[in-house]
Amino acid sequence: MSDALVVLVTVGEATAGLSLGRSLVEEGLAACVQVIPGGTAIYRWRGAVHVEPQVQLIIKTTAAAWPALQARIVALHDDETPEILALPVTDGLPAYLAWLKDAAA
């Protein structure tokens, strides 16, 4: 088991994703953020079903950086309740996991 995490976050548009991702990497909270445009979300919010475009962010970080990363995403995100899901990485290429640990404080 590694201490690496993959964090999923969605935003409404690519420019917001690029800005958020850049901030997280520059601040040392994430080793890498992939911004994947072109998605559509169908979800229930406050009793209504919504269909909206969304951009998926895939953030690679460590368990040690997780509390600060989560707080920073909440501070920078436009949504009242942003999607922020942390998934544990059970295994990976050792060289990549070592890089990730060094890159995300």
N, C-alpha and C. Protein backbone atom coordinates (compact mmCIF):
# COMPACT_ATOMS: atom_id res chain seq x y z
N MET A 1 0.85 -1.19 0.00
CA MET A 1 0.00 0.00 0.00
C MET A 1 0.89 1.24 0.00
N SER A 2 0.60 2.15 -0.90
CA SER A 2 1.36 3.39 -0.95
C SER A 2 0.60 4.48 -0.21
N ASP A 3 1.23 5.62 -0.02
CA ASP A 3 0.50 6.75 0.57
C ASP A 3 0.00 7.71 -0.51
N ALA A 4 0.02 7.26 -1.76
CA ALA A 4 -0.45 8.07 -2.88
C ALA A 4 -1.97 8.07 -2.92
N LEU A 5 -2.52 9.19 -3.36
CA LEU A 5 -3.96 9.32 -3.57
C LEU A 5 -4.23 9.86 -4.96
N VAL A 6 -5.33 9.43 -5.54
CA VAL A 6 -5.87 10.03 -6.74
C VAL A 6 -7.14 10.75 -6.29
N VAL A 7 -7.20 12.05 -6.55
CA VAL A 7 -8.33 12.87 -6.11
C VAL A 7 -9.10 13.31 -7.35
N LEU A 8 -10.40 13.08 -7.32
CA LEU A 8 -11.28 13.48 -8.42
C LEU A 8 -12.04 14.73 -8.02
N VAL A 9 -12.01 15.72 -8.91
CA VAL A 9 -12.71 16.99 -8.70
C VAL A 9 -13.32 17.38 -10.04
N THR A 10 -14.53 17.92 -10.02
CA THR A 10 -15.12 18.44 -11.25
C THR A 10 -15.29 19.95 -11.13
N VAL A 11 -15.20 20.60 -12.28
CA VAL A 11 -15.46 22.03 -12.40
C VAL A 11 -16.31 22.26 -13.64
N GLY A 12 -16.85 23.45 -13.78
CA GLY A 12 -17.76 23.73 -14.88
C GLY A 12 -17.12 23.99 -16.23
N GLU A 13 -15.87 24.46 -16.23
CA GLU A 13 -15.23 24.77 -17.52
C GLU A 13 -13.72 24.57 -17.43
N ALA A 14 -13.11 24.39 -18.59
CA ALA A 14 -11.68 24.07 -18.66
C ALA A 14 -10.81 25.16 -18.06
N THR A 15 -11.15 26.43 -18.27
CA THR A 15 -10.31 27.50 -17.73
C THR A 15 -10.27 27.44 -16.20
N ALA A 16 -11.40 27.11 -15.57
CA ALA A 16 -11.43 26.96 -14.11
C ALA A 16 -10.57 25.77 -13.69
N GLY A 17 -10.62 24.69 -14.45
CA GLY A 17 -9.81 23.52 -14.15
C GLY A 17 -8.32 23.78 -14.28
N LEU A 18 -7.95 24.51 -15.33
CA LEU A 18 -6.54 24.85 -15.53
C LEU A 18 -6.04 25.75 -14.40
N SER A 19 -6.84 26.72 -14.02
CA SER A 19 -6.45 27.62 -12.94
C SER A 19 -6.31 26.88 -11.61
N LEU A 20 -7.29 26.05 -11.28
CA LEU A 20 -7.24 25.28 -10.04
C LEU A 20 -6.07 24.32 -10.05
N GLY A 21 -5.91 23.59 -11.13
CA GLY A 21 -4.81 22.62 -11.23
C GLY A 21 -3.45 23.28 -11.10
N ARG A 22 -3.27 24.38 -11.78
CA ARG A 22 -1.99 25.09 -11.72
C ARG A 22 -1.69 25.55 -10.29
N SER A 23 -2.70 26.10 -9.61
CA SER A 23 -2.51 26.54 -8.23
C SER A 23 -2.08 25.38 -7.34
N LEU A 24 -2.74 24.24 -7.47
CA LEU A 24 -2.43 23.09 -6.62
C LEU A 24 -1.01 22.57 -6.84
N VAL A 25 -0.58 22.54 -8.09
CA VAL A 25 0.79 22.08 -8.40
C VAL A 25 1.80 23.12 -7.94
N GLU A 26 1.55 24.40 -8.24
CA GLU A 26 2.50 25.45 -7.84
C GLU A 26 2.66 25.52 -6.32
N GLU A 27 1.59 25.25 -5.58
CA GLU A 27 1.64 25.30 -4.12
C GLU A 27 2.19 24.01 -3.50
N GLY A 28 2.54 23.03 -4.33
CA GLY A 28 3.12 21.79 -3.83
C GLY A 28 2.12 20.84 -3.20
N LEU A 29 0.84 21.06 -3.44
CA LEU A 29 -0.19 20.20 -2.88
C LEU A 29 -0.51 19.01 -3.77
N ALA A 30 -0.13 19.09 -5.03
CA ALA A 30 -0.34 18.01 -5.99
C ALA A 30 0.91 17.87 -6.85
N ALA A 31 1.21 16.63 -7.20
CA ALA A 31 2.33 16.37 -8.10
C ALA A 31 1.93 16.62 -9.54
N CYS A 32 0.66 16.33 -9.86
CA CYS A 32 0.18 16.41 -11.23
C CYS A 32 -1.33 16.56 -11.21
N VAL A 33 -1.85 17.36 -12.13
CA VAL A 33 -3.30 17.48 -12.30
C VAL A 33 -3.61 17.35 -13.79
N GLN A 34 -4.45 16.41 -14.12
CA GLN A 34 -4.92 16.27 -15.49
C GLN A 34 -6.29 16.94 -15.59
N VAL A 35 -6.46 17.76 -16.62
CA VAL A 35 -7.72 18.46 -16.87
C VAL A 35 -8.34 17.84 -18.11
N ILE A 36 -9.48 17.19 -17.93
CA ILE A 36 -10.11 16.44 -19.02
C ILE A 36 -11.45 17.09 -19.34
N PRO A 37 -11.51 17.85 -20.43
CA PRO A 37 -12.76 18.54 -20.80
C PRO A 37 -13.72 17.60 -21.53
N GLY A 38 -14.90 18.11 -21.76
CA GLY A 38 -15.85 17.42 -22.64
C GLY A 38 -16.83 16.50 -21.94
N GLY A 39 -16.93 16.55 -20.63
CA GLY A 39 -17.86 15.69 -19.92
C GLY A 39 -19.21 16.36 -19.71
N THR A 40 -20.17 15.53 -19.36
CA THR A 40 -21.50 16.01 -19.00
C THR A 40 -21.91 15.32 -17.72
N ALA A 41 -22.40 16.08 -16.78
CA ALA A 41 -22.86 15.51 -15.51
C ALA A 41 -24.38 15.58 -15.44
N ILE A 42 -24.96 14.50 -14.96
CA ILE A 42 -26.40 14.44 -14.67
C ILE A 42 -26.49 14.15 -13.19
N TYR A 43 -27.07 15.08 -12.44
CA TYR A 43 -27.09 14.92 -11.00
C TYR A 43 -28.33 15.57 -10.38
N ARG A 44 -28.63 15.13 -9.18
CA ARG A 44 -29.75 15.70 -8.43
C ARG A 44 -29.18 16.68 -7.42
N TRP A 45 -29.73 17.89 -7.39
CA TRP A 45 -29.31 18.91 -6.44
C TRP A 45 -30.53 19.69 -6.01
N ARG A 46 -30.80 19.66 -4.72
CA ARG A 46 -31.92 20.39 -4.12
C ARG A 46 -33.25 20.06 -4.80
N GLY A 47 -33.47 18.76 -5.01
CA GLY A 47 -34.74 18.27 -5.52
C GLY A 47 -34.94 18.34 -7.02
N ALA A 48 -33.95 18.84 -7.76
CA ALA A 48 -34.08 18.94 -9.22
C ALA A 48 -32.94 18.18 -9.89
N VAL A 49 -33.23 17.64 -11.06
CA VAL A 49 -32.21 16.97 -11.85
C VAL A 49 -31.58 18.00 -12.78
N HIS A 50 -30.26 18.04 -12.78
CA HIS A 50 -29.50 18.98 -13.61
C HIS A 50 -28.67 18.20 -14.63
N VAL A 51 -28.50 18.77 -15.80
CA VAL A 51 -27.61 18.24 -16.83
C VAL A 51 -26.72 19.40 -17.26
N GLU A 52 -25.42 19.27 -16.97
CA GLU A 52 -24.51 20.38 -17.23
C GLU A 52 -23.16 19.87 -17.72
N PRO A 53 -22.46 20.69 -18.51
CA PRO A 53 -21.10 20.31 -18.89
C PRO A 53 -20.19 20.33 -17.67
N GLN A 54 -19.26 19.42 -17.62
CA GLN A 54 -18.28 19.41 -16.54
C GLN A 54 -16.92 18.98 -17.08
N VAL A 55 -15.90 19.46 -16.40
CA VAL A 55 -14.52 19.11 -16.70
C VAL A 55 -14.01 18.30 -15.51
N GLN A 56 -13.40 17.16 -15.80
CA GLN A 56 -12.89 16.28 -14.75
C GLN A 56 -11.42 16.59 -14.48
N LEU A 57 -11.09 16.79 -13.21
CA LEU A 57 -9.70 16.91 -12.80
C LEU A 57 -9.29 15.62 -12.12
N ILE A 58 -8.15 15.10 -12.51
CA ILE A 58 -7.57 13.93 -11.86
C ILE A 58 -6.27 14.41 -11.22
N ILE A 59 -6.26 14.42 -9.90
CA ILE A 59 -5.17 15.01 -9.13
C ILE A 59 -4.39 13.91 -8.45
N LYS A 60 -3.07 13.90 -8.62
CA LYS A 60 -2.21 12.94 -7.94
C LYS A 60 -1.50 13.63 -6.79
N THR A 61 -1.65 13.06 -5.59
CA THR A 61 -1.09 13.67 -4.39
C THR A 61 -0.74 12.58 -3.39
N THR A 62 -0.41 13.01 -2.16
CA THR A 62 -0.09 12.07 -1.09
C THR A 62 -1.08 12.23 0.06
N ALA A 63 -1.12 11.21 0.90
CA ALA A 63 -1.99 11.28 2.09
C ALA A 63 -1.56 12.43 3.00
N ALA A 64 -0.27 12.70 3.06
CA ALA A 64 0.23 13.80 3.90
C ALA A 64 -0.27 15.16 3.41
N ALA A 65 -0.38 15.33 2.10
CA ALA A 65 -0.83 16.60 1.52
C ALA A 65 -2.36 16.71 1.47
N TRP A 66 -3.05 15.62 1.69
CA TRP A 66 -4.51 15.57 1.52
C TRP A 66 -5.27 16.64 2.32
N PRO A 67 -5.05 16.80 3.61
CA PRO A 67 -5.85 17.80 4.34
C PRO A 67 -5.71 19.22 3.77
N ALA A 68 -4.49 19.62 3.47
CA ALA A 68 -4.27 20.96 2.91
C ALA A 68 -4.82 21.06 1.49
N LEU A 69 -4.69 19.99 0.71
CA LEU A 69 -5.21 19.97 -0.66
C LEU A 69 -6.73 20.13 -0.63
N GLN A 70 -7.40 19.37 0.21
CA GLN A 70 -8.85 19.45 0.30
C GLN A 70 -9.29 20.86 0.70
N ALA A 71 -8.66 21.43 1.70
CA ALA A 71 -9.00 22.78 2.14
C ALA A 71 -8.79 23.81 1.03
N ARG A 72 -7.71 23.66 0.29
CA ARG A 72 -7.42 24.61 -0.79
C ARG A 72 -8.42 24.50 -1.93
N ILE A 73 -8.82 23.27 -2.27
CA ILE A 73 -9.83 23.10 -3.32
C ILE A 73 -11.13 23.78 -2.89
N VAL A 74 -11.55 23.55 -1.66
CA VAL A 74 -12.78 24.18 -1.17
C VAL A 74 -12.66 25.70 -1.24
N ALA A 75 -11.51 26.25 -0.88
CA ALA A 75 -11.31 27.69 -0.90
C ALA A 75 -11.35 28.28 -2.32
N LEU A 76 -10.85 27.52 -3.30
CA LEU A 76 -10.75 28.03 -4.66
C LEU A 76 -11.94 27.68 -5.55
N HIS A 77 -12.72 26.69 -5.17
CA HIS A 77 -13.79 26.16 -6.03
C HIS A 77 -15.02 27.07 -5.97
N ASP A 78 -15.71 27.18 -7.10
CA ASP A 78 -16.92 28.01 -7.20
C ASP A 78 -18.16 27.34 -6.62
N ASP A 79 -18.20 26.01 -6.59
CA ASP A 79 -19.41 25.31 -6.14
C ASP A 79 -19.57 25.37 -4.62
N GLU A 80 -20.81 25.41 -4.20
CA GLU A 80 -21.14 25.39 -2.77
C GLU A 80 -20.67 24.09 -2.12
N THR A 81 -20.87 22.97 -2.82
CA THR A 81 -20.45 21.66 -2.35
C THR A 81 -19.71 20.97 -3.49
N PRO A 82 -18.42 21.24 -3.65
CA PRO A 82 -17.70 20.66 -4.78
C PRO A 82 -17.50 19.16 -4.62
N GLU A 83 -17.46 18.48 -5.75
CA GLU A 83 -17.11 17.06 -5.74
C GLU A 83 -15.62 16.95 -5.46
N ILE A 84 -15.28 16.31 -4.36
CA ILE A 84 -13.89 16.05 -4.02
C ILE A 84 -13.84 14.64 -3.46
N LEU A 85 -13.28 13.72 -4.22
CA LEU A 85 -13.20 12.32 -3.81
C LEU A 85 -11.74 11.88 -3.82
N ALA A 86 -11.27 11.34 -2.71
CA ALA A 86 -9.89 10.84 -2.62
C ALA A 86 -9.91 9.33 -2.68
N LEU A 87 -9.17 8.77 -3.62
CA LEU A 87 -9.10 7.33 -3.81
C LEU A 87 -7.69 6.85 -3.49
N PRO A 88 -7.53 5.84 -2.65
CA PRO A 88 -6.19 5.35 -2.34
C PRO A 88 -5.58 4.61 -3.52
N VAL A 89 -4.28 4.76 -3.67
CA VAL A 89 -3.52 4.02 -4.67
C VAL A 89 -2.89 2.84 -3.96
N THR A 90 -3.27 1.65 -4.33
CA THR A 90 -2.77 0.47 -3.65
C THR A 90 -1.40 0.02 -4.16
N ASP A 91 -1.09 0.37 -5.40
CA ASP A 91 0.19 -0.04 -5.97
C ASP A 91 0.45 0.81 -7.21
N GLY A 92 1.69 0.84 -7.66
CA GLY A 92 2.05 1.58 -8.85
C GLY A 92 3.52 1.39 -9.14
N LEU A 93 3.96 1.96 -10.23
CA LEU A 93 5.37 1.90 -10.59
C LEU A 93 6.18 2.58 -9.49
N PRO A 94 7.11 1.89 -8.87
CA PRO A 94 7.85 2.48 -7.75
C PRO A 94 8.51 3.82 -8.09
N ALA A 95 9.07 3.95 -9.26
CA ALA A 95 9.71 5.21 -9.64
C ALA A 95 8.69 6.34 -9.72
N TYR A 96 7.50 6.05 -10.24
CA TYR A 96 6.46 7.08 -10.32
C TYR A 96 5.98 7.47 -8.93
N LEU A 97 5.76 6.48 -8.07
CA LEU A 97 5.30 6.77 -6.71
C LEU A 97 6.34 7.58 -5.93
N ALA A 98 7.62 7.30 -6.17
CA ALA A 98 8.68 8.08 -5.50
C ALA A 98 8.65 9.52 -6.01
N TRP A 99 8.50 9.72 -7.32
CA TRP A 99 8.40 11.06 -7.88
C TRP A 99 7.21 11.80 -7.28
N LEU A 100 6.05 11.12 -7.23
CA LEU A 100 4.84 11.73 -6.70
C LEU A 100 5.06 12.19 -5.26
N LYS A 101 5.69 11.35 -4.46
CA LYS A 101 5.93 11.68 -3.06
C LYS A 101 6.84 12.91 -2.94
N ASP A 102 7.84 12.99 -3.81
CA ASP A 102 8.75 14.15 -3.78
C ASP A 102 8.07 15.42 -4.28
N ALA A 103 7.17 15.28 -5.24
CA ALA A 103 6.56 16.45 -5.88
C ALA A 103 5.40 17.03 -5.07
N ALA A 104 4.70 16.20 -4.29
CA ALA A 104 3.57 16.68 -3.48
C ALA A 104 3.96 16.62 -2.03
N ALA A 105 4.26 17.76 -1.47
CA ALA A 105 4.75 17.83 -0.08
C ALA A 105 3.74 17.32 0.91
